[in-house]
Amino acid sequence: MKHTGMTRPVDDLGRIVIPKELRDSMDIRPTDRMEFWMTDAGMVLRKAEERCAVCGGVHGDMLDVDGMKFCRVCARKISKKLRTE
């Protein structure tokens, strides 16, 4: 890990502002989801990866259906199941 030397206060609601330089370097945009990980050394904050709503896998080519993400493998399975019913 690399220390940035930046610090930010926690407000009354428990929020912390991520410095603009870090948001830009990590391509974090408004509405992006962030995930928190606990390690023996402390907490890690990172941009959440889009996961398939069915299998939970992380895939680069996700289908978006009304805000839900599906990998193509699961989308094919759903489509096949719908055709057989």
N, C-alpha and C. Protein backbone atom coordinates (compact mmCIF):
# COMPACT_ATOMS: atom_id res chain seq x y z
N MET A 1 0.84 -1.18 0.00
CA MET A 1 0.00 0.00 0.00
C MET A 1 0.88 1.23 0.00
N LYS A 2 0.33 2.30 -0.53
CA LYS A 2 1.07 3.55 -0.63
C LYS A 2 0.38 4.62 0.22
N HIS A 3 1.12 5.25 1.10
CA HIS A 3 0.56 6.30 1.96
C HIS A 3 0.49 7.60 1.15
N THR A 4 -0.68 8.25 1.18
CA THR A 4 -0.85 9.49 0.42
C THR A 4 -0.55 10.72 1.25
N GLY A 5 -0.57 10.58 2.56
CA GLY A 5 -0.36 11.73 3.42
C GLY A 5 -1.62 12.56 3.62
N MET A 6 -2.71 12.19 2.94
CA MET A 6 -3.97 12.94 3.06
C MET A 6 -4.78 12.40 4.23
N THR A 7 -5.45 13.30 4.94
CA THR A 7 -6.38 12.90 5.99
C THR A 7 -7.66 13.69 5.81
N ARG A 8 -8.75 13.14 6.27
CA ARG A 8 -10.05 13.82 6.21
C ARG A 8 -10.80 13.51 7.49
N PRO A 9 -11.59 14.47 8.00
CA PRO A 9 -12.37 14.20 9.21
C PRO A 9 -13.63 13.38 8.90
N VAL A 10 -14.09 12.66 9.89
CA VAL A 10 -15.36 11.95 9.81
C VAL A 10 -16.43 12.91 10.35
N ASP A 11 -17.53 13.10 9.60
CA ASP A 11 -18.57 14.02 10.07
C ASP A 11 -19.54 13.31 11.03
N ASP A 12 -20.54 14.03 11.51
CA ASP A 12 -21.49 13.50 12.49
C ASP A 12 -22.27 12.28 11.98
N LEU A 13 -22.40 12.15 10.66
CA LEU A 13 -23.11 11.01 10.08
C LEU A 13 -22.17 9.87 9.69
N GLY A 14 -20.89 10.00 10.01
CA GLY A 14 -19.92 8.96 9.72
C GLY A 14 -19.35 9.02 8.31
N ARG A 15 -19.57 10.13 7.61
CA ARG A 15 -19.11 10.25 6.22
C ARG A 15 -17.69 10.80 6.17
N ILE A 16 -16.98 10.39 5.14
CA ILE A 16 -15.64 10.88 4.86
C ILE A 16 -15.61 11.28 3.39
N VAL A 17 -15.06 12.44 3.10
CA VAL A 17 -14.92 12.88 1.71
C VAL A 17 -13.65 12.26 1.14
N ILE A 18 -13.78 11.61 -0.02
CA ILE A 18 -12.62 11.06 -0.72
C ILE A 18 -12.02 12.21 -1.53
N PRO A 19 -10.75 12.53 -1.31
CA PRO A 19 -10.15 13.66 -2.03
C PRO A 19 -10.27 13.52 -3.55
N LYS A 20 -10.48 14.64 -4.21
CA LYS A 20 -10.68 14.67 -5.66
C LYS A 20 -9.54 13.99 -6.41
N GLU A 21 -8.31 14.21 -5.96
CA GLU A 21 -7.15 13.59 -6.63
C GLU A 21 -7.27 12.06 -6.62
N LEU A 22 -7.73 11.51 -5.50
CA LEU A 22 -7.90 10.05 -5.42
C LEU A 22 -9.09 9.57 -6.25
N ARG A 23 -10.20 10.33 -6.20
CA ARG A 23 -11.37 9.96 -7.03
C ARG A 23 -10.98 9.95 -8.50
N ASP A 24 -10.27 10.97 -8.94
CA ASP A 24 -9.87 11.04 -10.34
C ASP A 24 -8.94 9.88 -10.71
N SER A 25 -7.97 9.58 -9.84
CA SER A 25 -7.00 8.53 -10.17
C SER A 25 -7.65 7.15 -10.19
N MET A 26 -8.75 6.97 -9.45
CA MET A 26 -9.44 5.68 -9.42
C MET A 26 -10.69 5.67 -10.28
N ASP A 27 -10.93 6.76 -11.02
CA ASP A 27 -12.12 6.90 -11.87
C ASP A 27 -13.41 6.67 -11.08
N ILE A 28 -13.49 7.27 -9.90
CA ILE A 28 -14.69 7.18 -9.07
C ILE A 28 -15.59 8.35 -9.42
N ARG A 29 -16.81 8.04 -9.82
CA ARG A 29 -17.78 9.04 -10.24
C ARG A 29 -18.97 9.05 -9.29
N PRO A 30 -19.74 10.15 -9.26
CA PRO A 30 -20.95 10.16 -8.43
C PRO A 30 -21.83 8.96 -8.78
N THR A 31 -22.43 8.37 -7.82
CA THR A 31 -23.29 7.18 -7.86
C THR A 31 -22.52 5.86 -7.94
N ASP A 32 -21.18 5.90 -8.15
CA ASP A 32 -20.41 4.66 -8.10
C ASP A 32 -20.53 4.05 -6.71
N ARG A 33 -20.55 2.74 -6.65
CA ARG A 33 -20.62 2.05 -5.36
C ARG A 33 -19.21 1.74 -4.90
N MET A 34 -19.01 1.85 -3.60
CA MET A 34 -17.72 1.55 -3.00
C MET A 34 -17.91 0.37 -2.06
N GLU A 35 -16.85 -0.42 -1.91
CA GLU A 35 -16.93 -1.54 -0.98
C GLU A 35 -15.83 -1.43 0.06
N PHE A 36 -16.11 -1.94 1.24
CA PHE A 36 -15.20 -1.86 2.37
C PHE A 36 -14.72 -3.26 2.72
N TRP A 37 -13.43 -3.37 2.97
CA TRP A 37 -12.82 -4.64 3.35
C TRP A 37 -12.06 -4.44 4.64
N MET A 38 -12.18 -5.38 5.54
CA MET A 38 -11.42 -5.33 6.79
C MET A 38 -10.23 -6.27 6.67
N THR A 39 -9.06 -5.78 7.06
CA THR A 39 -7.85 -6.59 7.08
C THR A 39 -7.26 -6.50 8.48
N ASP A 40 -6.23 -7.28 8.73
CA ASP A 40 -5.55 -7.19 10.02
C ASP A 40 -4.94 -5.80 10.22
N ALA A 41 -4.58 -5.15 9.11
CA ALA A 41 -3.94 -3.83 9.18
C ALA A 41 -4.95 -2.69 9.26
N GLY A 42 -6.22 -2.94 8.97
CA GLY A 42 -7.21 -1.88 9.00
C GLY A 42 -8.28 -2.07 7.95
N MET A 43 -8.78 -0.96 7.42
CA MET A 43 -9.88 -0.99 6.46
C MET A 43 -9.37 -0.61 5.07
N VAL A 44 -9.91 -1.26 4.05
CA VAL A 44 -9.59 -0.95 2.66
C VAL A 44 -10.88 -0.51 1.99
N LEU A 45 -10.82 0.58 1.26
CA LEU A 45 -11.96 1.10 0.51
C LEU A 45 -11.61 0.99 -0.96
N ARG A 46 -12.50 0.39 -1.75
CA ARG A 46 -12.23 0.31 -3.19
C ARG A 46 -13.53 0.40 -3.97
N LYS A 47 -13.40 0.74 -5.23
CA LYS A 47 -14.55 0.83 -6.11
C LYS A 47 -15.12 -0.58 -6.30
N ALA A 48 -16.42 -0.70 -6.09
CA ALA A 48 -17.05 -2.01 -6.20
C ALA A 48 -17.11 -2.45 -7.65
N GLU A 49 -16.88 -3.72 -7.86
CA GLU A 49 -16.98 -4.28 -9.20
C GLU A 49 -18.44 -4.69 -9.46
N GLU A 50 -18.88 -4.51 -10.69
CA GLU A 50 -20.23 -4.93 -11.04
C GLU A 50 -20.29 -6.45 -11.01
N ARG A 51 -21.29 -6.97 -10.33
CA ARG A 51 -21.45 -8.41 -10.20
C ARG A 51 -22.78 -8.85 -10.80
N CYS A 52 -22.80 -10.04 -11.34
CA CYS A 52 -24.02 -10.61 -11.90
C CYS A 52 -25.03 -10.84 -10.78
N ALA A 53 -26.28 -10.45 -11.02
CA ALA A 53 -27.34 -10.60 -10.02
C ALA A 53 -27.68 -12.06 -9.77
N VAL A 54 -27.30 -12.95 -10.67
CA VAL A 54 -27.63 -14.37 -10.51
C VAL A 54 -26.47 -15.14 -9.89
N CYS A 55 -25.31 -15.10 -10.53
CA CYS A 55 -24.18 -15.93 -10.07
C CYS A 55 -23.20 -15.17 -9.18
N GLY A 56 -23.28 -13.85 -9.18
CA GLY A 56 -22.36 -13.06 -8.37
C GLY A 56 -20.99 -12.90 -8.98
N GLY A 57 -20.81 -13.40 -10.19
CA GLY A 57 -19.52 -13.30 -10.85
C GLY A 57 -19.22 -11.90 -11.34
N VAL A 58 -17.93 -11.62 -11.51
CA VAL A 58 -17.48 -10.34 -12.04
C VAL A 58 -17.07 -10.57 -13.49
N HIS A 59 -17.75 -9.90 -14.39
CA HIS A 59 -17.50 -10.09 -15.82
C HIS A 59 -17.40 -8.72 -16.48
N GLY A 60 -16.63 -8.61 -17.52
CA GLY A 60 -16.45 -7.33 -18.19
C GLY A 60 -17.62 -6.91 -19.04
N ASP A 61 -18.37 -7.86 -19.56
CA ASP A 61 -19.44 -7.56 -20.51
C ASP A 61 -20.78 -7.90 -19.89
N MET A 62 -21.31 -6.99 -19.07
CA MET A 62 -22.56 -7.25 -18.35
C MET A 62 -23.75 -6.65 -19.09
N LEU A 63 -24.88 -7.32 -19.00
CA LEU A 63 -26.14 -6.79 -19.54
C LEU A 63 -26.87 -6.07 -18.43
N ASP A 64 -27.41 -4.91 -18.71
CA ASP A 64 -28.16 -4.13 -17.73
C ASP A 64 -29.64 -4.21 -18.06
N VAL A 65 -30.43 -4.74 -17.14
CA VAL A 65 -31.88 -4.82 -17.31
C VAL A 65 -32.51 -4.05 -16.15
N ASP A 66 -32.98 -2.85 -16.44
CA ASP A 66 -33.60 -1.99 -15.42
C ASP A 66 -32.74 -1.87 -14.16
N GLY A 67 -31.44 -1.68 -14.35
CA GLY A 67 -30.53 -1.47 -13.22
C GLY A 67 -29.95 -2.73 -12.63
N MET A 68 -30.43 -3.89 -13.06
CA MET A 68 -29.86 -5.16 -12.60
C MET A 68 -28.85 -5.63 -13.64
N LYS A 69 -27.71 -6.11 -13.17
CA LYS A 69 -26.64 -6.57 -14.06
C LYS A 69 -26.66 -8.09 -14.16
N PHE A 70 -26.50 -8.59 -15.39
CA PHE A 70 -26.45 -10.03 -15.64
C PHE A 70 -25.27 -10.35 -16.54
N CYS A 71 -24.55 -11.43 -16.23
CA CYS A 71 -23.51 -11.88 -17.15
C CYS A 71 -24.21 -12.58 -18.31
N ARG A 72 -23.52 -12.71 -19.41
CA ARG A 72 -24.13 -13.30 -20.61
C ARG A 72 -24.47 -14.78 -20.42
N VAL A 73 -23.69 -15.48 -19.62
CA VAL A 73 -23.97 -16.90 -19.38
C VAL A 73 -25.31 -17.05 -18.65
N CYS A 74 -25.51 -16.26 -17.60
CA CYS A 74 -26.77 -16.33 -16.85
C CYS A 74 -27.93 -15.81 -17.69
N ALA A 75 -27.70 -14.77 -18.48
CA ALA A 75 -28.76 -14.24 -19.34
C ALA A 75 -29.21 -15.30 -20.33
N ARG A 76 -28.27 -16.08 -20.90
CA ARG A 76 -28.63 -17.15 -21.82
C ARG A 76 -29.45 -18.23 -21.10
N LYS A 77 -29.05 -18.57 -19.88
CA LYS A 77 -29.79 -19.58 -19.11
C LYS A 77 -31.22 -19.11 -18.84
N ILE A 78 -31.37 -17.85 -18.47
CA ILE A 78 -32.70 -17.30 -18.21
C ILE A 78 -33.54 -17.30 -19.49
N SER A 79 -32.93 -16.87 -20.58
CA SER A 79 -33.62 -16.82 -21.86
C SER A 79 -34.07 -18.22 -22.28
N LYS A 80 -33.20 -19.21 -22.13
CA LYS A 80 -33.53 -20.59 -22.50
C LYS A 80 -34.67 -21.10 -21.63
N LYS A 81 -34.62 -20.82 -20.34
CA LYS A 81 -35.67 -21.26 -19.43
C LYS A 81 -37.01 -20.62 -19.80
N LEU A 82 -37.01 -19.34 -20.14
CA LEU A 82 -38.24 -18.65 -20.50
C LEU A 82 -38.82 -19.22 -21.80
N ARG A 83 -37.97 -19.62 -22.73
CA ARG A 83 -38.46 -20.18 -24.00
C ARG A 83 -39.09 -21.55 -23.81
N THR A 84 -38.65 -22.30 -22.79
CA THR A 84 -39.16 -23.67 -22.59
C THR A 84 -40.43 -23.69 -21.74
N GLU A 85 -40.78 -22.58 -21.14
CA GLU A 85 -41.99 -22.55 -20.30
C GLU A 85 -43.19 -22.08 -21.08
